[in-house]
Every structure is written in structure tokens, then in C-alpha cells.
């Protein structure tokens, strides 16, 4: 039987996206690299656990779940997250940011200073700017203030992000919305005194994600299934998404769907897992060349 691996998700490094595997192994991804794997036939997707601990009952989870956690492990993971507001005594400094994902899609959020821009890369933010830095609860108050005053959410659905990546405007237009909102922030009352304001400085990930000349995707993988296969050449990556050139056109794979499965290397160049088409048709096929290195 071929060796099986368990994926622990996509991480962004200074050099680009890296798929992480159990045992601390990583597969660095680059444009044109062939991504090819199969799901063990007859395999069952199991809960990935929470906070670094394995699921005590190895519960089965849905193939469509991006969290890959059972109800109990999801509750435990959420309870210890910054978003749950249960870490009021966290001494680490945090940053507040504005992130742009496409026209009319701007969100406000917070992230730990020690994480740098990793959180923005993980979310697929095309452009962003810091707003301020300070204690966690001050950052959280500022986030709530901005959501109400600027009428911006703290979350953008991934389906909306994917739908616009192949038709984003030029560099100046990508910056314009957050520049205007950043200026409005400076006029707001109620800014927490312990939160140091940051000047406007746009950071653009358009090139980092490989979005220049990106073909429109024809669909996205809706779930993995036992015995199914995915194979394609990487043309772009943003957040957890890989845009793969396949025989049917560009297909988007949310790598969060890979967690919890046992995966093996394959030689076939097909996509045999369920793919949900985007509206408006698709594009022609693409080359599937490249040499496989290990699982990829």
C-alpha cells in the first residue's frame, strides 16, 4: 500500500505558500508546480482535534467541513481563540487592520504583532493597512467601533473572495477604498487611548498571490471523497485556496478540505472529486505537465 500522509493545512512563509503535513514535513509550492494527490479509497475523514490535542474519540466529520472538527473539538478550539474574548489578560500587543479583498469588500480585524502579516496572507487579503497597535482589549474595542462607524464587517465569505480574484482592478484602485476608510478613522471619536495609531501604508499581495493574468476559475472543489483524486498545476494561491490548472480549466481547491483525510501520491492527471461550477460557464483546458516530488 502506498504511503499515506495527513495534511495539517496551508501556511504562508516569507517564500510563499507551504502545505504542512503530520510530522512537521512541508511541501513548498511555486507557480507551475503540479499538485496531485488521492484520498485513500474507503477512508474516513476524522476530526483533527483542538489546540494541538487529538480528538479523544476520533470522530468522523463531513467532507464539506472546512474546520474538520467535531462539535466538541470545535467548541474547545473556539473557546480558547482571541475571537471568543476569553483572553482579556493576554499581555501580548495586537494590531488593528483594514483588509481589502475586492471592490466593496473591506473588513476590519485584529492580529497579534508577533504574527506580522501572516494573518492577512491566510485570509487572502489582496491589500491591507494597519490602523493601530496596543493591548488586546483596546484593539477589540477599536474593531467594534470601526465596524459600526464605517459599516464594514469583520468577515468576508471565501466564496465572495474567489469570485472576483480573476478580475481585480489596477494597483491604485486596489488601494483607494482602504485609503479613504483609513482617513475617516482619523476623524472618529472614541478611539481607545492605549491604542497607538498607525499611518496609512498600503501593503499589496497581488503579486505574492500570483493574481496577475489569473484565468477565471470554472469551479471549486466542494468536498473530498474516499478514492477521489485532485491533480493540476498551481497558477495562483490566496489564503487557503489553490488555483489549479486542470483539464477542465482552473479549479479552486480550499486546502482546509484536505485536513482529516489520509492522502497518497498519484500519477493520474484528473480531478475526480466533486467540483461545483461557478456561474457563467468556464474556460478551456490547460497543460498538466511537471514532475511530481514526493506527495507533490
C-alpha atoms as a PDB file:
ATOM      1  CA  UNK A   1       0.000   0.000   0.000  1.00  0.00           C
ATOM      2  CA  UNK A   2       1.277   3.472  -0.893  1.00  0.00           C
ATOM      3  CA  UNK A   3       2.439   5.666   1.964  1.00  0.00           C
ATOM      4  CA  UNK A   4      -0.301   7.924   3.292  1.00  0.00           C
ATOM      5  CA  UNK A   5       0.086  11.443   4.672  1.00  0.00           C
ATOM      6  CA  UNK A   6      -2.124  13.693   6.759  1.00  0.00           C
ATOM      7  CA  UNK A   7      -2.283  17.368   5.791  1.00  0.00           C
ATOM      8  CA  UNK A   8      -2.338  19.969   8.556  1.00  0.00           C
ATOM      9  CA  UNK A   9      -3.182  22.893   6.278  1.00  0.00           C
ATOM     10  CA  UNK A  10      -1.620  25.621   4.165  1.00  0.00           C
ATOM     11  CA  UNK A  11       0.795  28.048   5.820  1.00  0.00           C
ATOM     12  CA  UNK A  12       2.324  31.170   4.360  1.00  0.00           C
ATOM     13  CA  UNK A  13       6.071  31.735   4.740  1.00  0.00           C
ATOM     14  CA  UNK A  14       8.296  34.566   3.540  1.00  0.00           C
ATOM     15  CA  UNK A  15       8.924  32.495   0.402  1.00  0.00           C
ATOM     16  CA  UNK A  16       5.291  31.703  -0.342  1.00  0.00           C
ATOM     17  CA  UNK A  17       2.693  29.029   0.431  1.00  0.00           C
ATOM     18  CA  UNK A  18       3.678  25.758   2.112  1.00  0.00           C
ATOM     19  CA  UNK A  19       1.458  22.725   2.652  1.00  0.00           C
ATOM     20  CA  UNK A  20       2.156  21.282   6.094  1.00  0.00           C
ATOM     21  CA  UNK A  21       1.984  17.589   6.941  1.00  0.00           C
ATOM     22  CA  UNK A  22       1.975  15.500  10.104  1.00  0.00           C
ATOM     23  CA  UNK A  23       5.498  15.028  11.378  1.00  0.00           C
ATOM     24  CA  UNK A  24       6.388  18.699  10.670  1.00  0.00           C
ATOM     25  CA  UNK A  25       7.059  17.998   6.987  1.00  0.00           C
ATOM     26  CA  UNK A  26       6.307  20.740   4.484  1.00  0.00           C
ATOM     27  CA  UNK A  27       5.783  20.981   0.721  1.00  0.00           C
ATOM     28  CA  UNK A  28       6.767  24.412  -0.617  1.00  0.00           C
ATOM     29  CA  UNK A  29       4.538  25.441  -3.512  1.00  0.00           C
ATOM     30  CA  UNK A  30       5.529  27.525  -6.529  1.00  0.00           C
ATOM     31  CA  UNK A  31       3.742  28.581  -9.695  1.00  0.00           C
ATOM     32  CA  UNK A  32       3.659  25.784 -12.244  1.00  0.00           C
ATOM     33  CA  UNK A  33       4.225  23.056  -9.650  1.00  0.00           C
ATOM     34  CA  UNK A  34       1.958  20.065 -10.065  1.00  0.00           C
ATOM     35  CA  UNK A  35      -0.245  19.397  -7.064  1.00  0.00           C
ATOM     36  CA  UNK A  36      -1.505  15.806  -7.228  1.00  0.00           C
ATOM     37  CA  UNK A  37      -2.917  13.586  -4.516  1.00  0.00           C
ATOM     38  CA  UNK A  38      -5.530  10.932  -3.923  1.00  0.00           C
ATOM     39  CA  UNK A  39      -7.744  10.219  -0.944  1.00  0.00           C
ATOM     40  CA  UNK A  40      -7.287   6.706   0.449  1.00  0.00           C
ATOM     41  CA  UNK A  41     -10.054   4.548  -1.017  1.00  0.00           C
ATOM     42  CA  UNK A  42     -12.567   3.652   1.664  1.00  0.00           C
ATOM     43  CA  UNK A  43     -11.015   6.178   4.016  1.00  0.00           C
ATOM     44  CA  UNK A  44     -12.972   8.197   6.552  1.00  0.00           C
ATOM     45  CA  UNK A  45     -12.292  11.827   7.406  1.00  0.00           C
ATOM     46  CA  UNK A  46     -11.593  12.167  11.114  1.00  0.00           C
ATOM     47  CA  UNK A  47     -11.620  15.164  13.444  1.00  0.00           C
ATOM     48  CA  UNK A  48      -8.270  16.977  13.692  1.00  0.00           C
ATOM     49  CA  UNK A  49      -8.733  17.798  17.388  1.00  0.00           C
ATOM     50  CA  UNK A  50      -8.235  21.153  19.083  1.00  0.00           C
ATOM     51  CA  UNK A  51      -5.410  23.269  20.494  1.00  0.00           C
ATOM     52  CA  UNK A  52      -2.767  20.728  19.456  1.00  0.00           C
ATOM     53  CA  UNK A  53      -4.580  17.790  21.080  1.00  0.00           C
ATOM     54  CA  UNK A  54      -6.020  14.826  19.190  1.00  0.00           C
ATOM     55  CA  UNK A  55      -9.757  14.233  19.206  1.00  0.00           C
ATOM     56  CA  UNK A  56     -10.341  11.757  22.060  1.00  0.00           C
ATOM     57  CA  UNK A  57     -12.930   9.772  20.081  1.00  0.00           C
ATOM     58  CA  UNK A  58     -11.505  10.261  16.549  1.00  0.00           C
ATOM     59  CA  UNK A  59     -14.942  11.415  15.472  1.00  0.00           C
ATOM     60  CA  UNK A  60     -15.900  11.361  11.819  1.00  0.00           C
ATOM     61  CA  UNK A  61     -16.524  14.743  10.162  1.00  0.00           C
ATOM     62  CA  UNK A  62     -18.213  15.878   6.968  1.00  0.00           C
ATOM     63  CA  UNK A  63     -16.167  16.052   3.786  1.00  0.00           C
ATOM     64  CA  UNK A  64     -17.522  19.564   3.202  1.00  0.00           C
ATOM     65  CA  UNK A  65     -16.412  20.978   6.567  1.00  0.00           C
ATOM     66  CA  UNK A  66     -13.561  23.478   6.296  1.00  0.00           C
ATOM     67  CA  UNK A  67     -12.894  23.185  10.032  1.00  0.00           C
ATOM     68  CA  UNK A  68     -12.513  19.375  10.057  1.00  0.00           C
ATOM     69  CA  UNK A  69     -13.527  19.299  13.726  1.00  0.00           C
ATOM     70  CA  UNK A  70     -16.322  17.523  15.562  1.00  0.00           C
ATOM     71  CA  UNK A  71     -18.752  19.656  17.543  1.00  0.00           C
ATOM     72  CA  UNK A  72     -16.925  19.228  20.856  1.00  0.00           C
ATOM     73  CA  UNK A  73     -13.435  19.959  19.478  1.00  0.00           C
ATOM     74  CA  UNK A  74     -14.761  22.968  17.541  1.00  0.00           C
ATOM     75  CA  UNK A  75     -16.258  24.333  20.762  1.00  0.00           C
ATOM     76  CA  UNK A  76     -12.973  23.826  22.624  1.00  0.00           C
ATOM     77  CA  UNK A  77     -10.927  25.449  19.864  1.00  0.00           C
ATOM     78  CA  UNK A  78     -13.263  28.443  19.693  1.00  0.00           C
ATOM     79  CA  UNK A  79     -13.292  28.890  23.481  1.00  0.00           C
ATOM     80  CA  UNK A  80      -9.522  29.471  23.503  1.00  0.00           C
ATOM     81  CA  UNK A  81      -9.363  31.789  20.493  1.00  0.00           C
ATOM     82  CA  UNK A  82      -8.849  35.549  20.520  1.00  0.00           C
ATOM     83  CA  UNK A  83     -12.188  35.949  18.753  1.00  0.00           C
ATOM     84  CA  UNK A  84     -14.021  34.453  21.742  1.00  0.00           C
ATOM     85  CA  UNK A  85     -12.965  37.328  24.043  1.00  0.00           C
ATOM     86  CA  UNK A  86     -11.862  34.879  26.744  1.00  0.00           C
ATOM     87  CA  UNK A  87      -8.250  36.137  26.823  1.00  0.00           C
ATOM     88  CA  UNK A  88      -8.706  39.578  28.383  1.00  0.00           C
ATOM     89  CA  UNK A  89      -5.452  39.230  30.335  1.00  0.00           C
ATOM     90  CA  UNK A  90      -3.358  38.418  27.256  1.00  0.00           C
ATOM     91  CA  UNK A  91      -0.245  40.623  27.657  1.00  0.00           C
ATOM     92  CA  UNK A  92       0.797  40.494  24.007  1.00  0.00           C
ATOM     93  CA  UNK A  93       0.343  43.570  21.778  1.00  0.00           C
ATOM     94  CA  UNK A  94      -2.157  43.441  18.923  1.00  0.00           C
ATOM     95  CA  UNK A  95      -2.709  45.340  15.695  1.00  0.00           C
ATOM     96  CA  UNK A  96      -5.945  46.537  14.122  1.00  0.00           C
ATOM     97  CA  UNK A  97      -6.099  46.463  10.337  1.00  0.00           C
ATOM     98  CA  UNK A  98      -8.252  47.192   7.299  1.00  0.00           C
ATOM     99  CA  UNK A  99      -8.138  44.497   4.602  1.00  0.00           C
ATOM    100  CA  UNK A 100      -9.388  44.698   1.002  1.00  0.00           C
ATOM    101  CA  UNK A 101     -10.421  41.584  -0.959  1.00  0.00           C
ATOM    102  CA  UNK A 102     -12.110  43.166  -3.946  1.00  0.00           C
ATOM    103  CA  UNK A 103     -14.357  46.122  -4.875  1.00  0.00           C
ATOM    104  CA  UNK A 104     -16.749  46.765  -1.992  1.00  0.00           C
ATOM    105  CA  UNK A 105     -15.188  44.023   0.124  1.00  0.00           C
ATOM    106  CA  UNK A 106     -13.310  45.585   3.045  1.00  0.00           C
ATOM    107  CA  UNK A 107     -13.127  44.165   6.563  1.00  0.00           C
ATOM    108  CA  UNK A 108     -11.642  45.234   9.866  1.00  0.00           C
ATOM    109  CA  UNK A 109      -9.770  42.797  12.091  1.00  0.00           C
ATOM    110  CA  UNK A 110      -7.050  42.306  14.685  1.00  0.00           C
ATOM    111  CA  UNK A 111      -3.939  40.136  14.814  1.00  0.00           C
ATOM    112  CA  UNK A 112      -1.009  39.644  17.163  1.00  0.00           C
ATOM    113  CA  UNK A 113       2.003  41.864  16.481  1.00  0.00           C
ATOM    114  CA  UNK A 114       4.271  38.810  16.654  1.00  0.00           C
ATOM    115  CA  UNK A 115       2.438  37.289  13.669  1.00  0.00           C
ATOM    116  CA  UNK A 116       3.361  40.114  11.310  1.00  0.00           C
ATOM    117  CA  UNK A 117       1.235  39.978   8.147  1.00  0.00           C
ATOM    118  CA  UNK A 118       0.680  36.184   8.300  1.00  0.00           C
ATOM    119  CA  UNK A 119      -2.979  36.598   9.255  1.00  0.00           C
ATOM    120  CA  UNK A 120      -3.618  38.761   6.199  1.00  0.00           C
ATOM    121  CA  UNK A 121      -1.975  36.218   3.896  1.00  0.00           C
ATOM    122  CA  UNK A 122      -4.010  33.419   5.482  1.00  0.00           C
ATOM    123  CA  UNK A 123      -7.237  35.319   4.815  1.00  0.00           C
ATOM    124  CA  UNK A 124      -6.339  36.102   1.216  1.00  0.00           C
ATOM    125  CA  UNK A 125      -6.267  39.888   1.759  1.00  0.00           C
ATOM    126  CA  UNK A 126      -5.188  41.440  -1.543  1.00  0.00           C
ATOM    127  CA  UNK A 127      -4.350  44.801   0.047  1.00  0.00           C
ATOM    128  CA  UNK A 128      -4.255  45.964   3.668  1.00  0.00           C
ATOM    129  CA  UNK A 129      -3.098  48.720   6.005  1.00  0.00           C
ATOM    130  CA  UNK A 130      -2.507  48.786   9.740  1.00  0.00           C
ATOM    131  CA  UNK A 131      -4.675  51.149  11.786  1.00  0.00           C
ATOM    132  CA  UNK A 132      -3.147  50.933  15.249  1.00  0.00           C
ATOM    133  CA  UNK A 133      -1.355  48.859  17.869  1.00  0.00           C
ATOM    134  CA  UNK A 134      -1.908  48.213  21.563  1.00  0.00           C
ATOM    135  CA  UNK A 135      -3.373  45.870  24.209  1.00  0.00           C
ATOM    136  CA  UNK A 136      -5.834  43.166  23.133  1.00  0.00           C
ATOM    137  CA  UNK A 137      -8.977  44.643  24.666  1.00  0.00           C
ATOM    138  CA  UNK A 138      -8.199  48.111  23.296  1.00  0.00           C
ATOM    139  CA  UNK A 139      -7.728  46.570  19.844  1.00  0.00           C
ATOM    140  CA  UNK A 140     -11.013  44.723  20.243  1.00  0.00           C
ATOM    141  CA  UNK A 141     -12.853  47.947  21.238  1.00  0.00           C
ATOM    142  CA  UNK A 142     -11.404  49.730  18.211  1.00  0.00           C
ATOM    143  CA  UNK A 143     -12.517  46.863  15.965  1.00  0.00           C
ATOM    144  CA  UNK A 144     -16.088  47.158  17.248  1.00  0.00           C
ATOM    145  CA  UNK A 145     -16.017  50.957  16.887  1.00  0.00           C
ATOM    146  CA  UNK A 146     -14.886  50.728  13.260  1.00  0.00           C
ATOM    147  CA  UNK A 147     -17.393  48.064  12.302  1.00  0.00           C
ATOM    148  CA  UNK A 148     -20.214  50.322  13.487  1.00  0.00           C
ATOM    149  CA  UNK A 149     -18.840  53.662  12.265  1.00  0.00           C
ATOM    150  CA  UNK A 150     -17.503  52.554   8.880  1.00  0.00           C
ATOM    151  CA  UNK A 151     -20.202  49.935   8.198  1.00  0.00           C
ATOM    152  CA  UNK A 152     -17.599  47.280   7.436  1.00  0.00           C
ATOM    153  CA  UNK A 153     -17.805  43.631   8.581  1.00  0.00           C
ATOM    154  CA  UNK A 154     -15.244  41.547  10.449  1.00  0.00           C
ATOM    155  CA  UNK A 155     -15.619  38.693   7.979  1.00  0.00           C
ATOM    156  CA  UNK A 156     -15.844  38.263   4.192  1.00  0.00           C
ATOM    157  CA  UNK A 157     -17.109  34.899   2.846  1.00  0.00           C
ATOM    158  CA  UNK A 158     -14.490  32.956   0.900  1.00  0.00           C
ATOM    159  CA  UNK A 159     -16.988  32.382  -1.903  1.00  0.00           C
ATOM    160  CA  UNK A 160     -17.105  36.158  -2.454  1.00  0.00           C
ATOM    161  CA  UNK A 161     -13.310  36.445  -2.417  1.00  0.00           C
ATOM    162  CA  UNK A 162     -12.905  33.673  -5.006  1.00  0.00           C
ATOM    163  CA  UNK A 163     -15.498  35.146  -7.322  1.00  0.00           C
ATOM    164  CA  UNK A 164     -13.503  38.334  -8.007  1.00  0.00           C
ATOM    165  CA  UNK A 165      -9.822  37.278  -7.934  1.00  0.00           C
ATOM    166  CA  UNK A 166      -9.501  36.955 -11.716  1.00  0.00           C
ATOM    167  CA  UNK A 167     -10.927  40.441 -12.390  1.00  0.00           C
ATOM    168  CA  UNK A 168      -9.407  42.715  -9.773  1.00  0.00           C
ATOM    169  CA  UNK A 169      -8.695  46.360 -10.722  1.00  0.00           C
ATOM    170  CA  UNK A 170      -5.288  48.017 -11.006  1.00  0.00           C
ATOM    171  CA  UNK A 171      -2.966  48.869  -8.119  1.00  0.00           C
ATOM    172  CA  UNK A 172      -4.327  52.365  -7.452  1.00  0.00           C
ATOM    173  CA  UNK A 173      -7.935  51.184  -7.360  1.00  0.00           C
ATOM    174  CA  UNK A 174      -6.976  48.334  -5.035  1.00  0.00           C
ATOM    175  CA  UNK A 175      -5.657  50.868  -2.537  1.00  0.00           C
ATOM    176  CA  UNK A 176      -8.296  53.577  -2.909  1.00  0.00           C
ATOM    177  CA  UNK A 177     -11.002  52.094  -0.665  1.00  0.00           C
ATOM    178  CA  UNK A 178      -8.819  51.429   2.345  1.00  0.00           C
ATOM    179  CA  UNK A 179      -7.044  54.793   1.927  1.00  0.00           C
ATOM    180  CA  UNK A 180     -10.393  56.573   2.130  1.00  0.00           C
ATOM    181  CA  UNK A 181     -11.527  54.487   5.120  1.00  0.00           C
ATOM    182  CA  UNK A 182      -8.190  54.974   6.908  1.00  0.00           C
ATOM    183  CA  UNK A 183      -8.643  58.737   6.582  1.00  0.00           C
ATOM    184  CA  UNK A 184     -12.159  58.500   8.050  1.00  0.00           C
ATOM    185  CA  UNK A 185     -10.798  56.527  11.010  1.00  0.00           C
ATOM    186  CA  UNK A 186      -8.620  59.502  11.915  1.00  0.00           C
ATOM    187  CA  UNK A 187     -11.740  61.650  12.351  1.00  0.00           C
ATOM    188  CA  UNK A 188     -13.625  59.258  14.639  1.00  0.00           C
ATOM    189  CA  UNK A 189     -14.250  59.889  18.323  1.00  0.00           C
ATOM    190  CA  UNK A 190     -13.918  57.064  20.816  1.00  0.00           C
ATOM    191  CA  UNK A 191     -10.537  55.732  19.723  1.00  0.00           C
ATOM    192  CA  UNK A 192      -9.003  53.862  22.736  1.00  0.00           C
ATOM    193  CA  UNK A 193      -6.252  55.959  24.344  1.00  0.00           C
ATOM    194  CA  UNK A 194      -3.976  52.943  24.829  1.00  0.00           C
ATOM    195  CA  UNK A 195      -4.062  52.134  21.116  1.00  0.00           C
ATOM    196  CA  UNK A 196      -1.308  53.878  19.142  1.00  0.00           C
ATOM    197  CA  UNK A 197      -2.492  54.986  15.714  1.00  0.00           C
ATOM    198  CA  UNK A 198      -0.594  53.825  12.626  1.00  0.00           C
ATOM    199  CA  UNK A 199      -0.118  55.964   9.499  1.00  0.00           C
ATOM    200  CA  UNK A 200      -1.605  54.759   6.227  1.00  0.00           C
ATOM    201  CA  UNK A 201       0.754  52.390   4.445  1.00  0.00           C
ATOM    202  CA  UNK A 202      -0.797  50.006   1.956  1.00  0.00           C
ATOM    203  CA  UNK A 203       0.674  46.520   1.560  1.00  0.00           C
ATOM    204  CA  UNK A 204      -0.312  44.774  -1.687  1.00  0.00           C
ATOM    205  CA  UNK A 205      -0.338  40.960  -2.067  1.00  0.00           C
ATOM    206  CA  UNK A 206      -1.463  40.911  -5.714  1.00  0.00           C
ATOM    207  CA  UNK A 207       1.933  39.675  -6.902  1.00  0.00           C
ATOM    208  CA  UNK A 208       2.544  37.478  -3.854  1.00  0.00           C
ATOM    209  CA  UNK A 209      -0.664  35.561  -4.635  1.00  0.00           C
ATOM    210  CA  UNK A 210       0.176  35.242  -8.331  1.00  0.00           C
ATOM    211  CA  UNK A 211      -3.012  37.018  -9.430  1.00  0.00           C
ATOM    212  CA  UNK A 212      -1.573  38.836 -12.454  1.00  0.00           C
ATOM    213  CA  UNK A 213      -3.165  37.308 -15.548  1.00  0.00           C
ATOM    214  CA  UNK A 214      -5.099  34.776 -13.485  1.00  0.00           C
ATOM    215  CA  UNK A 215      -7.683  32.929 -15.629  1.00  0.00           C
ATOM    216  CA  UNK A 216     -11.228  32.858 -14.303  1.00  0.00           C
ATOM    217  CA  UNK A 217     -11.938  29.661 -12.387  1.00  0.00           C
ATOM    218  CA  UNK A 218     -14.612  27.324 -13.749  1.00  0.00           C
ATOM    219  CA  UNK A 219     -15.427  25.853 -10.348  1.00  0.00           C
ATOM    220  CA  UNK A 220     -14.252  24.858  -6.904  1.00  0.00           C
ATOM    221  CA  UNK A 221     -13.816  21.557  -5.094  1.00  0.00           C
ATOM    222  CA  UNK A 222     -16.861  21.193  -2.835  1.00  0.00           C
ATOM    223  CA  UNK A 223     -15.548  18.188  -0.879  1.00  0.00           C
ATOM    224  CA  UNK A 224     -13.054  15.346  -0.951  1.00  0.00           C
ATOM    225  CA  UNK A 225     -14.239  11.729  -1.005  1.00  0.00           C
ATOM    226  CA  UNK A 226     -12.600   8.377  -0.427  1.00  0.00           C
ATOM    227  CA  UNK A 227     -10.911   7.204  -3.643  1.00  0.00           C
ATOM    228  CA  UNK A 228     -11.105  10.681  -5.195  1.00  0.00           C
ATOM    229  CA  UNK A 229      -8.153  12.420  -6.841  1.00  0.00           C
ATOM    230  CA  UNK A 230      -7.030  16.001  -7.446  1.00  0.00           C
ATOM    231  CA  UNK A 231      -4.344  16.964  -9.941  1.00  0.00           C
ATOM    232  CA  UNK A 232      -3.396  20.284 -11.502  1.00  0.00           C
ATOM    233  CA  UNK A 233      -0.694  22.892 -11.987  1.00  0.00           C
ATOM    234  CA  UNK A 234      -0.600  25.703  -9.448  1.00  0.00           C
ATOM    235  CA  UNK A 235      -1.285  29.061 -11.106  1.00  0.00           C
ATOM    236  CA  UNK A 236      -2.144  31.147  -8.011  1.00  0.00           C
ATOM    237  CA  UNK A 237      -2.743  30.847  -4.274  1.00  0.00           C
ATOM    238  CA  UNK A 238      -4.538  33.163  -1.856  1.00  0.00           C
ATOM    239  CA  UNK A 239      -5.474  32.454   1.735  1.00  0.00           C
ATOM    240  CA  UNK A 240      -6.192  28.709   1.966  1.00  0.00           C
ATOM    241  CA  UNK A 241      -7.082  28.470  -1.739  1.00  0.00           C
ATOM    242  CA  UNK A 242      -5.004  26.898  -4.503  1.00  0.00           C
ATOM    243  CA  UNK A 243      -5.962  27.789  -8.080  1.00  0.00           C
ATOM    244  CA  UNK A 244      -5.104  24.715 -10.165  1.00  0.00           C
ATOM    245  CA  UNK A 245      -4.999  24.467 -13.966  1.00  0.00           C
ATOM    246  CA  UNK A 246      -6.712  21.194 -14.846  1.00  0.00           C
ATOM    247  CA  UNK A 247      -8.051  19.540 -17.965  1.00  0.00           C
ATOM    248  CA  UNK A 248     -11.410  21.224 -17.376  1.00  0.00           C
ATOM    249  CA  UNK A 249      -9.970  24.715 -16.669  1.00  0.00           C
ATOM    250  CA  UNK A 250      -8.868  26.383 -13.458  1.00  0.00           C
ATOM    251  CA  UNK A 251     -10.375  24.764 -10.361  1.00  0.00           C
ATOM    252  CA  UNK A 252     -10.066  26.246  -6.858  1.00  0.00           C
ATOM    253  CA  UNK A 253      -9.104  23.886  -4.031  1.00  0.00           C
ATOM    254  CA  UNK A 254      -9.665  25.074  -0.458  1.00  0.00           C
ATOM    255  CA  UNK A 255      -6.823  23.263   1.320  1.00  0.00           C
ATOM    256  CA  UNK A 256      -8.817  23.199   4.554  1.00  0.00           C
ATOM    257  CA  UNK A 257     -10.806  20.391   2.916  1.00  0.00           C
ATOM    258  CA  UNK A 258      -7.632  18.266   2.878  1.00  0.00           C
ATOM    259  CA  UNK A 259      -7.255  18.058   6.645  1.00  0.00           C
ATOM    260  CA  UNK A 260      -8.502  14.940   8.428  1.00  0.00           C
ATOM    261  CA  UNK A 261      -8.012  12.647   5.402  1.00  0.00           C
ATOM    262  CA  UNK A 262      -5.264  10.141   4.623  1.00  0.00           C
ATOM    263  CA  UNK A 263      -3.751  11.233   1.294  1.00  0.00           C
ATOM    264  CA  UNK A 264      -1.431   9.442  -1.118  1.00  0.00           C
ATOM    265  CA  UNK A 265       0.620  10.346  -4.181  1.00  0.00           C
ATOM    266  CA  UNK A 266      -0.994   9.679  -7.588  1.00  0.00           C
ATOM    267  CA  UNK A 267       0.196   9.644 -11.190  1.00  0.00           C
ATOM    268  CA  UNK A 268      -3.160  10.373 -12.812  1.00  0.00           C
ATOM    269  CA  UNK A 269      -3.873  13.874 -14.053  1.00  0.00           C
ATOM    270  CA  UNK A 270      -7.547  14.135 -13.305  1.00  0.00           C
ATOM    271  CA  UNK A 271      -9.934  15.731 -10.834  1.00  0.00           C
ATOM    272  CA  UNK A 272     -12.402  13.068  -9.751  1.00  0.00           C
ATOM    273  CA  UNK A 273     -13.748  14.691  -6.558  1.00  0.00           C
ATOM    274  CA  UNK A 274     -16.963  16.756  -6.616  1.00  0.00           C
ATOM    275  CA  UNK A 275     -16.472  20.167  -8.257  1.00  0.00           C
ATOM    276  CA  UNK A 276     -19.146  22.842  -8.108  1.00  0.00           C
ATOM    277  CA  UNK A 277     -19.191  25.120 -11.116  1.00  0.00           C
ATOM    278  CA  UNK A 278     -19.191  28.892 -10.884  1.00  0.00           C
ATOM    279  CA  UNK A 279     -21.923  30.672 -12.774  1.00  0.00           C
ATOM    280  CA  UNK A 280     -21.249  31.934 -16.293  1.00  0.00           C
ATOM    281  CA  UNK A 281     -19.560  28.896 -17.852  1.00  0.00           C
ATOM    282  CA  UNK A 282     -15.858  28.126 -17.898  1.00  0.00           C
ATOM    283  CA  UNK A 283     -12.651  28.232 -19.890  1.00  0.00           C
ATOM    284  CA  UNK A 284     -10.676  25.752 -21.954  1.00  0.00           C
ATOM    285  CA  UNK A 285      -8.248  23.118 -20.690  1.00  0.00           C
ATOM    286  CA  UNK A 286      -4.686  23.768 -19.567  1.00  0.00           C
ATOM    287  CA  UNK A 287      -1.442  21.824 -19.726  1.00  0.00           C
ATOM    288  CA  UNK A 288      -0.759  19.326 -16.962  1.00  0.00           C
ATOM    289  CA  UNK A 289       2.991  18.898 -17.213  1.00  0.00           C
ATOM    290  CA  UNK A 290       5.511  18.802 -14.373  1.00  0.00           C
ATOM    291  CA  UNK A 291       7.385  16.266 -12.292  1.00  0.00           C
ATOM    292  CA  UNK A 292       5.961  15.008  -9.020  1.00  0.00           C
ATOM    293  CA  UNK A 293       8.203  15.377  -5.954  1.00  0.00           C
ATOM    294  CA  UNK A 294       7.077  13.124  -3.106  1.00  0.00           C
ATOM    295  CA  UNK A 295       3.389  13.615  -2.442  1.00  0.00           C
ATOM    296  CA  UNK A 296       3.557  16.544  -4.840  1.00  0.00           C
END
